[in-house]
Amino acid sequence: TLVHESAHTFGQIHRGSQRADANACDAAY
């Protein structure tokens, strides 16, 4: 979780849905 959320503090965001399975291949996940 800390690694994932750190990506958001750097400037990465999820696009559209916030569901984990819809974003499994984005950088934070």
PDB file of all heavy atoms in Angstrom:
ATOM      1  N   THR A   1       0.824  -1.213   0.000  1.00  0.00           N
ATOM      2  CA  THR A   1       0.000   0.000   0.000  1.00  0.00           C
ATOM      3  C   THR A   1       0.856   1.262   0.000  1.00  0.00           C
ATOM      4  O   THR A   1       0.568   2.226  -0.721  1.00  0.00           O
ATOM      5  CB  THR A   1      -0.938   0.006   1.226  1.00  0.00           C
ATOM      6  OG1 THR A   1      -1.809  -1.133   1.138  1.00  0.00           O
ATOM      7  CG2 THR A   1      -1.773   1.274   1.269  1.00  0.00           C
ATOM      8  N   LEU A   2       1.922   1.285   0.789  1.00  0.00           N
ATOM      9  CA  LEU A   2       2.779   2.472   0.850  1.00  0.00           C
ATOM     10  C   LEU A   2       3.477   2.723  -0.485  1.00  0.00           C
ATOM     11  O   LEU A   2       3.613   3.869  -0.926  1.00  0.00           O
ATOM     12  CB  LEU A   2       3.812   2.328   1.977  1.00  0.00           C
ATOM     13  CG  LEU A   2       3.251   2.317   3.402  1.00  0.00           C
ATOM     14  CD1 LEU A   2       4.387   2.138   4.410  1.00  0.00           C
ATOM     15  CD2 LEU A   2       2.472   3.597   3.704  1.00  0.00           C
ATOM     16  N   VAL A   3       3.931   1.657  -1.149  1.00  0.00           N
ATOM     17  CA  VAL A   3       4.538   1.804  -2.471  1.00  0.00           C
ATOM     18  C   VAL A   3       3.502   2.333  -3.462  1.00  0.00           C
ATOM     19  O   VAL A   3       3.781   3.242  -4.258  1.00  0.00           O
ATOM     20  CB  VAL A   3       5.142   0.465  -2.950  1.00  0.00           C
ATOM     21  CG1 VAL A   3       5.540   0.529  -4.426  1.00  0.00           C
ATOM     22  CG2 VAL A   3       6.359   0.093  -2.099  1.00  0.00           C
ATOM     23  N   HIS A   4       2.310   1.756  -3.417  1.00  0.00           N
ATOM     24  CA  HIS A   4       1.212   2.192  -4.299  1.00  0.00           C
ATOM     25  C   HIS A   4       0.888   3.667  -4.080  1.00  0.00           C
ATOM     26  O   HIS A   4       0.860   4.460  -5.031  1.00  0.00           O
ATOM     27  CB  HIS A   4      -0.015   1.327  -4.006  1.00  0.00           C
ATOM     28  CG  HIS A   4      -1.248   1.710  -4.754  1.00  0.00           C
ATOM     29  ND1 HIS A   4      -1.868   0.864  -5.643  1.00  0.00           N
ATOM     30  CD2 HIS A   4      -1.999   2.849  -4.748  1.00  0.00           C
ATOM     31  CE1 HIS A   4      -2.938   1.461  -6.151  1.00  0.00           C
ATOM     32  NE2 HIS A   4      -3.033   2.677  -5.622  1.00  0.00           N
ATOM     33  N   GLU A   5       0.656   4.039  -2.836  1.00  0.00           N
ATOM     34  CA  GLU A   5       0.253   5.420  -2.544  1.00  0.00           C
ATOM     35  C   GLU A   5       1.390   6.412  -2.813  1.00  0.00           C
ATOM     36  O   GLU A   5       1.130   7.572  -3.166  1.00  0.00           O
ATOM     37  CB  GLU A   5      -0.242   5.543  -1.106  1.00  0.00           C
ATOM     38  CG  GLU A   5      -1.457   4.690  -0.772  1.00  0.00           C
ATOM     39  CD  GLU A   5      -2.679   5.013  -1.621  1.00  0.00           C
ATOM     40  OE1 GLU A   5      -2.819   6.179  -2.061  1.00  0.00           O
ATOM     41  OE2 GLU A   5      -3.496   4.104  -1.845  1.00  0.00           O
ATOM     42  N   SER A   6       2.624   5.973  -2.662  1.00  0.00           N
ATOM     43  CA  SER A   6       3.756   6.853  -2.986  1.00  0.00           C
ATOM     44  C   SER A   6       3.715   7.272  -4.447  1.00  0.00           C
ATOM     45  O   SER A   6       4.032   8.417  -4.783  1.00  0.00           O
ATOM     46  CB  SER A   6       5.079   6.142  -2.676  1.00  0.00           C
ATOM     47  OG  SER A   6       5.272   5.999  -1.285  1.00  0.00           O
ATOM     48  N   ALA A   7       3.304   6.345  -5.320  1.00  0.00           N
ATOM     49  CA  ALA A   7       3.191   6.692  -6.740  1.00  0.00           C
ATOM     50  C   ALA A   7       2.210   7.844  -6.935  1.00  0.00           C
ATOM     51  O   ALA A   7       2.426   8.716  -7.782  1.00  0.00           O
ATOM     52  CB  ALA A   7       2.754   5.473  -7.552  1.00  0.00           C
ATOM     53  N   HIS A   8       1.143   7.877  -6.145  1.00  0.00           N
ATOM     54  CA  HIS A   8       0.186   8.983  -6.247  1.00  0.00           C
ATOM     55  C   HIS A   8       0.804  10.296  -5.780  1.00  0.00           C
ATOM     56  O   HIS A   8       0.537  11.355  -6.350  1.00  0.00           O
ATOM     57  CB  HIS A   8      -1.064   8.674  -5.430  1.00  0.00           C
ATOM     58  CG  HIS A   8      -1.860   7.510  -5.935  1.00  0.00           C
ATOM     59  ND1 HIS A   8      -1.965   7.207  -7.288  1.00  0.00           N
ATOM     60  CD2 HIS A   8      -2.582   6.558  -5.282  1.00  0.00           C
ATOM     61  CE1 HIS A   8      -2.725   6.141  -7.436  1.00  0.00           C
ATOM     62  NE2 HIS A   8      -3.096   5.718  -6.237  1.00  0.00           N
ATOM     63  N   THR A   9       1.635  10.241  -4.732  1.00  0.00           N
ATOM     64  CA  THR A   9       2.286  11.478  -4.285  1.00  0.00           C
ATOM     65  C   THR A   9       3.273  11.988  -5.325  1.00  0.00           C
ATOM     66  O   THR A   9       3.552  13.181  -5.386  1.00  0.00           O
ATOM     67  CB  THR A   9       3.010  11.297  -2.931  1.00  0.00           C
ATOM     68  OG1 THR A   9       4.149  10.454  -3.091  1.00  0.00           O
ATOM     69  CG2 THR A   9       2.074  10.716  -1.880  1.00  0.00           C
ATOM     70  N   PHE A  10       3.802  11.091  -6.171  1.00  0.00           N
ATOM     71  CA  PHE A  10       4.714  11.509  -7.239  1.00  0.00           C
ATOM     72  C   PHE A  10       3.960  12.156  -8.401  1.00  0.00           C
ATOM     73  O   PHE A  10       4.543  12.914  -9.174  1.00  0.00           O
ATOM     74  CB  PHE A  10       5.498  10.315  -7.792  1.00  0.00           C
ATOM     75  CG  PHE A  10       6.304   9.553  -6.783  1.00  0.00           C
ATOM     76  CD1 PHE A  10       6.609   8.215  -6.993  1.00  0.00           C
ATOM     77  CD2 PHE A  10       6.765  10.157  -5.621  1.00  0.00           C
ATOM     78  CE1 PHE A  10       7.360   7.496  -6.078  1.00  0.00           C
ATOM     79  CE2 PHE A  10       7.512   9.443  -4.686  1.00  0.00           C
ATOM     80  CZ  PHE A  10       7.800   8.103  -4.920  1.00  0.00           C
ATOM     81  N   GLY A  11       2.671  11.808  -8.564  1.00  0.00           N
ATOM     82  CA  GLY A  11       1.882  12.384  -9.647  1.00  0.00           C
ATOM     83  C   GLY A  11       1.137  11.388 -10.496  1.00  0.00           C
ATOM     84  O   GLY A  11       0.496  11.753 -11.484  1.00  0.00           O
ATOM     85  N   GLN A  12       1.170  10.095 -10.142  1.00  0.00           N
ATOM     86  CA  GLN A  12       0.417   9.090 -10.882  1.00  0.00           C
ATOM     87  C   GLN A  12      -1.016   9.065 -10.356  1.00  0.00           C
ATOM     88  O   GLN A  12      -1.251   9.236  -9.162  1.00  0.00           O
ATOM     89  CB  GLN A  12       1.065   7.702 -10.704  1.00  0.00           C
ATOM     90  CG  GLN A  12       0.498   6.618 -11.617  1.00  0.00           C
ATOM     91  CD  GLN A  12      -0.718   5.904 -11.040  1.00  0.00           C
ATOM     92  OE1 GLN A  12      -1.092   6.087  -9.882  1.00  0.00           O
ATOM     93  NE2 GLN A  12      -1.353   5.084 -11.863  1.00  0.00           N
ATOM     94  N   ILE A  13      -1.984   8.876 -11.241  1.00  0.00           N
ATOM     95  CA  ILE A  13      -3.392   8.783 -10.850  1.00  0.00           C
ATOM     96  C   ILE A  13      -4.037   7.594 -11.556  1.00  0.00           C
ATOM     97  O   ILE A  13      -3.500   7.064 -12.541  1.00  0.00           O
ATOM     98  CB  ILE A  13      -4.181  10.067 -11.207  1.00  0.00           C
ATOM     99  CG1 ILE A  13      -4.151  10.311 -12.730  1.00  0.00           C
ATOM    100  CG2 ILE A  13      -3.637  11.272 -10.451  1.00  0.00           C
ATOM    101  CD1 ILE A  13      -5.039  11.476 -13.182  1.00  0.00           C
ATOM    102  N   HIS A  14      -5.184   7.169 -11.049  1.00  0.00           N
ATOM    103  CA  HIS A  14      -5.982   6.161 -11.744  1.00  0.00           C
ATOM    104  C   HIS A  14      -6.915   6.879 -12.705  1.00  0.00           C
ATOM    105  O   HIS A  14      -7.404   7.976 -12.415  1.00  0.00           O
ATOM    106  CB  HIS A  14      -6.800   5.339 -10.756  1.00  0.00           C
ATOM    107  CG  HIS A  14      -5.972   4.617  -9.745  1.00  0.00           C
ATOM    108  ND1 HIS A  14      -4.891   3.819 -10.094  1.00  0.00           N
ATOM    109  CD2 HIS A  14      -6.056   4.574  -8.385  1.00  0.00           C
ATOM    110  CE1 HIS A  14      -4.356   3.321  -8.995  1.00  0.00           C
ATOM    111  NE2 HIS A  14      -5.028   3.766  -7.951  1.00  0.00           N
ATOM    112  N   ARG A  15      -7.159   6.259 -13.841  1.00  0.00           N
ATOM    113  CA  ARG A  15      -8.055   6.876 -14.827  1.00  0.00           C
ATOM    114  C   ARG A  15      -9.437   6.260 -14.730  1.00  0.00           C
ATOM    115  O   ARG A  15      -9.586   5.039 -14.786  1.00  0.00           O
ATOM    116  CB  ARG A  15      -7.494   6.668 -16.245  1.00  0.00           C
ATOM    117  CG  ARG A  15      -8.272   7.428 -17.312  1.00  0.00           C
ATOM    118  CD  ARG A  15      -7.667   7.239 -18.684  1.00  0.00           C
ATOM    119  NE  ARG A  15      -7.941   5.915 -19.219  1.00  0.00           N
ATOM    120  CZ  ARG A  15      -7.618   5.526 -20.445  1.00  0.00           C
ATOM    121  NH1 ARG A  15      -6.971   6.355 -21.246  1.00  0.00           N
ATOM    122  NH2 ARG A  15      -7.902   4.309 -20.863  1.00  0.00           N
ATOM    123  N   GLY A  16     -10.440   7.118 -14.579  1.00  0.00           N
ATOM    124  CA  GLY A  16     -11.811   6.614 -14.559  1.00  0.00           C
ATOM    125  C   GLY A  16     -12.099   5.849 -13.282  1.00  0.00           C
ATOM    126  O   GLY A  16     -12.035   6.385 -12.183  1.00  0.00           O
ATOM    127  N   SER A  17     -12.370   4.565 -13.418  1.00  0.00           N
ATOM    128  CA  SER A  17     -12.741   3.728 -12.279  1.00  0.00           C
ATOM    129  C   SER A  17     -11.621   3.659 -11.251  1.00  0.00           C
ATOM    130  O   SER A  17     -10.437   3.606 -11.598  1.00  0.00           O
ATOM    131  CB  SER A  17     -13.063   2.314 -12.764  1.00  0.00           C
ATOM    132  OG  SER A  17     -13.258   1.447 -11.667  1.00  0.00           O
ATOM    133  N   GLN A  18     -12.003   3.653  -9.981  1.00  0.00           N
ATOM    134  CA  GLN A  18     -11.036   3.481  -8.890  1.00  0.00           C
ATOM    135  C   GLN A  18     -10.927   2.019  -8.461  1.00  0.00           C
ATOM    136  O   GLN A  18     -10.162   1.701  -7.552  1.00  0.00           O
ATOM    137  CB  GLN A  18     -11.458   4.330  -7.686  1.00  0.00           C
ATOM    138  CG  GLN A  18     -11.456   5.822  -7.954  1.00  0.00           C
ATOM    139  CD  GLN A  18     -10.055   6.349  -8.260  1.00  0.00           C
ATOM    140  OE1 GLN A  18      -9.127   6.179  -7.488  1.00  0.00           O
ATOM    141  NE2 GLN A  18      -9.918   6.987  -9.417  1.00  0.00           N
ATOM    142  N   ARG A  19     -11.661   1.140  -9.122  1.00  0.00           N
ATOM    143  CA  ARG A  19     -11.627  -0.274  -8.758  1.00  0.00           C
ATOM    144  C   ARG A  19     -10.261  -0.879  -9.032  1.00  0.00           C
ATOM    145  O   ARG A  19      -9.650  -0.638 -10.080  1.00  0.00           O
ATOM    146  CB  ARG A  19     -12.685  -1.050  -9.533  1.00  0.00           C
ATOM    147  CG  ARG A  19     -14.109  -0.803  -9.061  1.00  0.00           C
ATOM    148  CD  ARG A  19     -15.125  -1.503  -9.953  1.00  0.00           C
ATOM    149  NE  ARG A  19     -14.710  -2.842 -10.318  1.00  0.00           N
ATOM    150  CZ  ARG A  19     -14.873  -3.360 -11.540  1.00  0.00           C
ATOM    151  NH1 ARG A  19     -15.414  -2.642 -12.510  1.00  0.00           N
ATOM    152  NH2 ARG A  19     -14.486  -4.593 -11.781  1.00  0.00           N
ATOM    153  N   ALA A  20      -9.783  -1.672  -8.087  1.00  0.00           N
ATOM    154  CA  ALA A  20      -8.448  -2.250  -8.202  1.00  0.00           C
ATOM    155  C   ALA A  20      -8.299  -3.117  -9.446  1.00  0.00           C
ATOM    156  O   ALA A  20      -7.308  -3.019 -10.172  1.00  0.00           O
ATOM    157  CB  ALA A  20      -8.139  -3.066  -6.945  1.00  0.00           C
ATOM    158  N   ASP A  21      -9.298  -3.960  -9.723  1.00  0.00           N
ATOM    159  CA  ASP A  21      -9.153  -4.870 -10.860  1.00  0.00           C
ATOM    160  C   ASP A  21      -9.159  -4.142 -12.197  1.00  0.00           C
ATOM    161  O   ASP A  21      -8.654  -4.660 -13.199  1.00  0.00           O
ATOM    162  CB  ASP A  21     -10.226  -5.957 -10.833  1.00  0.00           C
ATOM    163  CG  ASP A  21     -11.645  -5.403 -10.805  1.00  0.00           C
ATOM    164  OD1 ASP A  21     -11.812  -4.165 -10.703  1.00  0.00           O
ATOM    165  OD2 ASP A  21     -12.596  -6.201 -10.901  1.00  0.00           O
ATOM    166  N   ALA A  22      -9.712  -2.941 -12.224  1.00  0.00           N
ATOM    167  CA  ALA A  22      -9.729  -2.157 -13.462  1.00  0.00           C
ATOM    168  C   ALA A  22      -8.415  -1.417 -13.686  1.00  0.00           C
ATOM    169  O   ALA A  22      -8.177  -0.891 -14.775  1.00  0.00           O
ATOM    170  CB  ALA A  22     -10.882  -1.156 -13.436  1.00  0.00           C
ATOM    171  N   ASN A  23      -7.573  -1.383 -12.674  1.00  0.00           N
ATOM    172  CA  ASN A  23      -6.321  -0.623 -12.755  1.00  0.00           C
ATOM    173  C   ASN A  23      -5.085  -1.469 -12.480  1.00  0.00           C
ATOM    174  O   ASN A  23      -4.010  -0.932 -12.211  1.00  0.00           O
ATOM    175  CB  ASN A  23      -6.365   0.536 -11.753  1.00  0.00           C
ATOM    176  CG  ASN A  23      -7.367   1.600 -12.135  1.00  0.00           C
ATOM    177  OD1 ASN A  23      -7.188   2.332 -13.097  1.00  0.00           O
ATOM    178  ND2 ASN A  23      -8.457   1.691 -11.370  1.00  0.00           N
ATOM    179  N   ALA A  24      -5.222  -2.780 -12.553  1.00  0.00           N
ATOM    180  CA  ALA A  24      -4.137  -3.672 -12.139  1.00  0.00           C
ATOM    181  C   ALA A  24      -2.837  -3.438 -12.894  1.00  0.00           C
ATOM    182  O   ALA A  24      -1.751  -3.720 -12.368  1.00  0.00           O
ATOM    183  CB  ALA A  24      -4.570  -5.126 -12.294  1.00  0.00           C
ATOM    184  N   CYS A  25      -2.927  -2.933 -14.114  1.00  0.00           N
ATOM    185  CA  CYS A  25      -1.713  -2.736 -14.919  1.00  0.00           C
ATOM    186  C   CYS A  25      -1.249  -1.284 -14.957  1.00  0.00           C
ATOM    187  O   CYS A  25      -0.389  -0.933 -15.761  1.00  0.00           O
ATOM    188  CB  CYS A  25      -1.908  -3.256 -16.340  1.00  0.00           C
ATOM    189  SG  CYS A  25      -2.053  -5.061 -16.433  1.00  0.00           S
ATOM    190  N   ASP A  26      -1.826  -0.428 -14.102  1.00  0.00           N
ATOM    191  CA  ASP A  26      -1.270   0.924 -14.061  1.00  0.00           C
ATOM    192  C   ASP A  26      -0.118   0.951 -13.058  1.00  0.00           C
ATOM    193  O   ASP A  26       0.128   0.000 -12.315  1.00  0.00           O
ATOM    194  CB  ASP A  26      -2.342   1.994 -13.821  1.00  0.00           C
ATOM    195  CG  ASP A  26      -2.819   2.157 -12.387  1.00  0.00           C
ATOM    196  OD1 ASP A  26      -2.209   1.581 -11.463  1.00  0.00           O
ATOM    197  OD2 ASP A  26      -3.805   2.888 -12.184  1.00  0.00           O
ATOM    198  N   ALA A  27       0.645   2.028 -13.078  1.00  0.00           N
ATOM    199  CA  ALA A  27       1.935   2.049 -12.392  1.00  0.00           C
ATOM    200  C   ALA A  27       1.834   1.814 -10.891  1.00  0.00           C
ATOM    201  O   ALA A  27       2.653   1.090 -10.305  1.00  0.00           O
ATOM    202  CB  ALA A  27       2.636   3.375 -12.671  1.00  0.00           C
ATOM    203  N   ALA A  28       0.850   2.421 -10.240  1.00  0.00           N
ATOM    204  CA  ALA A  28       0.743   2.287  -8.788  1.00  0.00           C
ATOM    205  C   ALA A  28       0.472   0.840  -8.384  1.00  0.00           C
ATOM    206  O   ALA A  28       1.111   0.308  -7.460  1.00  0.00           O
ATOM    207  CB  ALA A  28      -0.347   3.208  -8.250  1.00  0.00           C
ATOM    208  N   TYR A  29      -0.461   0.178  -9.076  1.00  0.00           N
ATOM    209  CA  TYR A  29      -0.776  -1.203  -8.739  1.00  0.00           C
ATOM    210  C   TYR A  29       0.368  -2.145  -9.108  1.00  0.00           C
ATOM    211  O   TYR A  29       0.675  -3.088  -8.374  1.00  0.00           O
ATOM    212  CB  TYR A  29      -2.073  -1.649  -9.410  1.00  0.00           C
ATOM    213  CG  TYR A  29      -3.294  -1.258  -8.618  1.00  0.00           C
ATOM    214  CD1 TYR A  29      -4.083  -0.179  -8.999  1.00  0.00           C
ATOM    215  CD2 TYR A  29      -3.650  -1.947  -7.464  1.00  0.00           C
ATOM    216  CE1 TYR A  29      -5.194   0.202  -8.258  1.00  0.00           C
ATOM    217  CE2 TYR A  29      -4.760  -1.579  -6.719  1.00  0.00           C
ATOM    218  CZ  TYR A  29      -5.527  -0.506  -7.122  1.00  0.00           C
ATOM    219  OH  TYR A  29      -6.621  -0.125  -6.365  1.00  0.00           O
TER     220      TYR A  29
END
